[in-house]
């Protein structure tokens, strides 16, 4: 499975997954945006549910939307594949959002700590 290998979303491989929860690739998001011409970035969620799981990929989905519409320059979001996955795991671990039950089996994410009562 290919994860984000990039110097920004615009420089990553087409088959890298942007949405790790639902395995939505950059290629799928770009093609969907070109064909369906969504009015707002949130409509890219109609492409395999991207951005509706844990929420980590929302800024990346937004960036792809802006790139397809010609509204953005080079990406300011830079991660290698391991760093992307590590930061997403940390995002989930802090309890910001939990991934859906169908998150990738190879991604070890402990449950978020219970808040003090």
C-alpha atoms as a PDB file:
ATOM      1  CA  UNK A   1       0.000   0.000   0.000  1.00  0.00           C
ATOM      2  CA  UNK A   2       1.347   3.430  -0.935  1.00  0.00           C
ATOM      3  CA  UNK A   3       1.074   6.251   1.548  1.00  0.00           C
ATOM      4  CA  UNK A   4       1.967   9.891   1.192  1.00  0.00           C
ATOM      5  CA  UNK A   5       5.421  10.355  -0.264  1.00  0.00           C
ATOM      6  CA  UNK A   6       5.689  13.982  -0.989  1.00  0.00           C
ATOM      7  CA  UNK A   7       7.204  17.377  -0.857  1.00  0.00           C
ATOM      8  CA  UNK A   8       3.627  18.609  -0.690  1.00  0.00           C
ATOM      9  CA  UNK A   9       0.311  17.313  -1.952  1.00  0.00           C
ATOM     10  CA  UNK A  10       1.027  18.634  -5.439  1.00  0.00           C
ATOM     11  CA  UNK A  11       4.263  16.629  -5.657  1.00  0.00           C
ATOM     12  CA  UNK A  12       3.013  13.268  -4.425  1.00  0.00           C
ATOM     13  CA  UNK A  13       2.384  10.131  -6.415  1.00  0.00           C
ATOM     14  CA  UNK A  14      -1.149   9.825  -7.850  1.00  0.00           C
ATOM     15  CA  UNK A  15      -1.828   6.509  -6.118  1.00  0.00           C
ATOM     16  CA  UNK A  16      -0.796   7.659  -2.652  1.00  0.00           C
ATOM     17  CA  UNK A  17      -3.637   7.597  -0.170  1.00  0.00           C
ATOM     18  CA  UNK A  18      -4.829  10.948   1.092  1.00  0.00           C
ATOM     19  CA  UNK A  19      -7.661   9.561   3.211  1.00  0.00           C
ATOM     20  CA  UNK A  20      -6.231   6.711   5.259  1.00  0.00           C
ATOM     21  CA  UNK A  21      -9.606   5.879   6.831  1.00  0.00           C
ATOM     22  CA  UNK A  22     -11.309   5.099   3.523  1.00  0.00           C
ATOM     23  CA  UNK A  23      -8.262   4.501   1.284  1.00  0.00           C
ATOM     24  CA  UNK A  24      -9.009   7.391  -1.096  1.00  0.00           C
ATOM     25  CA  UNK A  25      -6.076   8.210  -3.343  1.00  0.00           C
ATOM     26  CA  UNK A  26      -4.927  11.523  -4.722  1.00  0.00           C
ATOM     27  CA  UNK A  27      -5.801  10.275  -8.233  1.00  0.00           C
ATOM     28  CA  UNK A  28      -9.417   9.568  -7.224  1.00  0.00           C
ATOM     29  CA  UNK A  29      -9.828  12.976  -5.609  1.00  0.00           C
ATOM     30  CA  UNK A  30      -8.365  14.828  -8.577  1.00  0.00           C
ATOM     31  CA  UNK A  31     -10.463  12.896 -11.087  1.00  0.00           C
ATOM     32  CA  UNK A  32     -13.609  13.421  -9.021  1.00  0.00           C
ATOM     33  CA  UNK A  33     -12.932  17.164  -8.751  1.00  0.00           C
ATOM     34  CA  UNK A  34     -12.302  17.468 -12.498  1.00  0.00           C
ATOM     35  CA  UNK A  35     -15.401  15.532 -13.514  1.00  0.00           C
ATOM     36  CA  UNK A  36     -17.912  16.593 -10.859  1.00  0.00           C
ATOM     37  CA  UNK A  37     -16.649  20.173 -10.395  1.00  0.00           C
ATOM     38  CA  UNK A  38     -17.706  20.533  -6.756  1.00  0.00           C
ATOM     39  CA  UNK A  39     -18.589  24.067  -5.655  1.00  0.00           C
ATOM     40  CA  UNK A  40     -16.871  23.676  -2.270  1.00  0.00           C
ATOM     41  CA  UNK A  41     -14.110  21.413  -0.979  1.00  0.00           C
ATOM     42  CA  UNK A  42     -16.425  19.579   1.414  1.00  0.00           C
ATOM     43  CA  UNK A  43     -18.223  18.086  -1.585  1.00  0.00           C
ATOM     44  CA  UNK A  44     -15.107  15.992  -2.222  1.00  0.00           C
ATOM     45  CA  UNK A  45     -16.408  13.843   0.647  1.00  0.00           C
ATOM     46  CA  UNK A  46     -18.698  12.330  -1.979  1.00  0.00           C
ATOM     47  CA  UNK A  47     -15.551  10.718  -3.375  1.00  0.00           C
ATOM     48  CA  UNK A  48     -15.303   7.619  -1.231  1.00  0.00           C
ATOM     49  CA  UNK A  49     -15.988   9.471   2.009  1.00  0.00           C
ATOM     50  CA  UNK A  50     -12.674  11.363   1.979  1.00  0.00           C
ATOM     51  CA  UNK A  51     -12.420  13.636   5.003  1.00  0.00           C
ATOM     52  CA  UNK A  52     -15.366  12.132   6.863  1.00  0.00           C
ATOM     53  CA  UNK A  53     -13.492   9.624   9.017  1.00  0.00           C
ATOM     54  CA  UNK A  54     -10.969  10.903  11.524  1.00  0.00           C
ATOM     55  CA  UNK A  55     -10.690  14.286   9.802  1.00  0.00           C
ATOM     56  CA  UNK A  56      -6.901  14.274   9.485  1.00  0.00           C
ATOM     57  CA  UNK A  57      -6.944  14.550   5.695  1.00  0.00           C
ATOM     58  CA  UNK A  58      -9.337  17.510   5.494  1.00  0.00           C
ATOM     59  CA  UNK A  59      -6.547  20.094   4.913  1.00  0.00           C
ATOM     60  CA  UNK A  60      -5.067  17.860   2.209  1.00  0.00           C
ATOM     61  CA  UNK A  61      -8.459  17.390   0.526  1.00  0.00           C
ATOM     62  CA  UNK A  62      -8.959  21.174   0.688  1.00  0.00           C
ATOM     63  CA  UNK A  63      -5.591  21.684  -0.953  1.00  0.00           C
ATOM     64  CA  UNK A  64      -6.381  19.259  -3.782  1.00  0.00           C
ATOM     65  CA  UNK A  65      -9.670  21.091  -4.344  1.00  0.00           C
ATOM     66  CA  UNK A  66      -7.822  24.411  -4.585  1.00  0.00           C
ATOM     67  CA  UNK A  67      -5.157  22.958  -6.884  1.00  0.00           C
ATOM     68  CA  UNK A  68      -7.710  21.521  -9.317  1.00  0.00           C
ATOM     69  CA  UNK A  69      -9.497  24.875  -9.398  1.00  0.00           C
ATOM     70  CA  UNK A  70      -6.186  26.662  -9.946  1.00  0.00           C
ATOM     71  CA  UNK A  71      -6.499  28.586  -6.687  1.00  0.00           C
ATOM     72  CA  UNK A  72      -3.295  27.536  -4.963  1.00  0.00           C
ATOM     73  CA  UNK A  73       0.401  27.362  -5.594  1.00  0.00           C
ATOM     74  CA  UNK A  74       2.863  24.769  -4.335  1.00  0.00           C
ATOM     75  CA  UNK A  75       1.934  22.942  -1.170  1.00  0.00           C
ATOM     76  CA  UNK A  76       3.082  24.168   2.199  1.00  0.00           C
ATOM     77  CA  UNK A  77       2.185  20.806   3.776  1.00  0.00           C
ATOM     78  CA  UNK A  78       5.264  18.615   3.702  1.00  0.00           C
ATOM     79  CA  UNK A  79       5.431  15.098   5.101  1.00  0.00           C
ATOM     80  CA  UNK A  80       7.153  11.900   4.111  1.00  0.00           C
ATOM     81  CA  UNK A  81       4.974   8.757   4.300  1.00  0.00           C
ATOM     82  CA  UNK A  82       6.109   7.766   7.771  1.00  0.00           C
ATOM     83  CA  UNK A  83       5.709  11.271   9.156  1.00  0.00           C
ATOM     84  CA  UNK A  84       2.233  11.609   7.636  1.00  0.00           C
ATOM     85  CA  UNK A  85       1.113   8.373   9.302  1.00  0.00           C
ATOM     86  CA  UNK A  86       2.852   9.231  12.588  1.00  0.00           C
ATOM     87  CA  UNK A  87       1.237  12.643  12.800  1.00  0.00           C
ATOM     88  CA  UNK A  88      -2.158  11.206  11.917  1.00  0.00           C
ATOM     89  CA  UNK A  89      -1.768   8.587  14.656  1.00  0.00           C
ATOM     90  CA  UNK A  90      -0.882  11.351  17.111  1.00  0.00           C
ATOM     91  CA  UNK A  91      -3.905  13.347  15.956  1.00  0.00           C
ATOM     92  CA  UNK A  92      -6.163  10.384  16.685  1.00  0.00           C
ATOM     93  CA  UNK A  93      -4.354   9.495  19.920  1.00  0.00           C
ATOM     94  CA  UNK A  94      -4.982  12.979  21.327  1.00  0.00           C
ATOM     95  CA  UNK A  95      -8.685  12.292  20.974  1.00  0.00           C
ATOM     96  CA  UNK A  96      -9.416  14.944  18.378  1.00  0.00           C
ATOM     97  CA  UNK A  97     -11.288  12.400  16.282  1.00  0.00           C
ATOM     98  CA  UNK A  98     -11.289   8.627  16.192  1.00  0.00           C
ATOM     99  CA  UNK A  99     -11.050   6.837  12.879  1.00  0.00           C
ATOM    100  CA  UNK A 100     -14.011   4.746  11.763  1.00  0.00           C
ATOM    101  CA  UNK A 101     -13.932   1.076  12.655  1.00  0.00           C
ATOM    102  CA  UNK A 102     -12.666   0.296   9.147  1.00  0.00           C
ATOM    103  CA  UNK A 103      -9.338   2.116   9.554  1.00  0.00           C
ATOM    104  CA  UNK A 104      -6.316   0.406   8.044  1.00  0.00           C
ATOM    105  CA  UNK A 105      -5.407  -2.717   9.993  1.00  0.00           C
ATOM    106  CA  UNK A 106      -1.685  -1.968   9.742  1.00  0.00           C
ATOM    107  CA  UNK A 107      -2.108   1.388  11.479  1.00  0.00           C
ATOM    108  CA  UNK A 108      -1.648   0.921  15.209  1.00  0.00           C
ATOM    109  CA  UNK A 109      -3.603   3.584  17.020  1.00  0.00           C
ATOM    110  CA  UNK A 110      -4.226   3.104  20.729  1.00  0.00           C
ATOM    111  CA  UNK A 111      -7.494   4.407  22.092  1.00  0.00           C
ATOM    112  CA  UNK A 112      -7.460   8.024  23.134  1.00  0.00           C
ATOM    113  CA  UNK A 113      -7.067   8.450  26.900  1.00  0.00           C
ATOM    114  CA  UNK A 114     -10.279   8.914  28.818  1.00  0.00           C
ATOM    115  CA  UNK A 115     -10.779  12.505  29.957  1.00  0.00           C
ATOM    116  CA  UNK A 116     -10.662  13.110  33.718  1.00  0.00           C
ATOM    117  CA  UNK A 117     -14.048  12.921  35.387  1.00  0.00           C
END
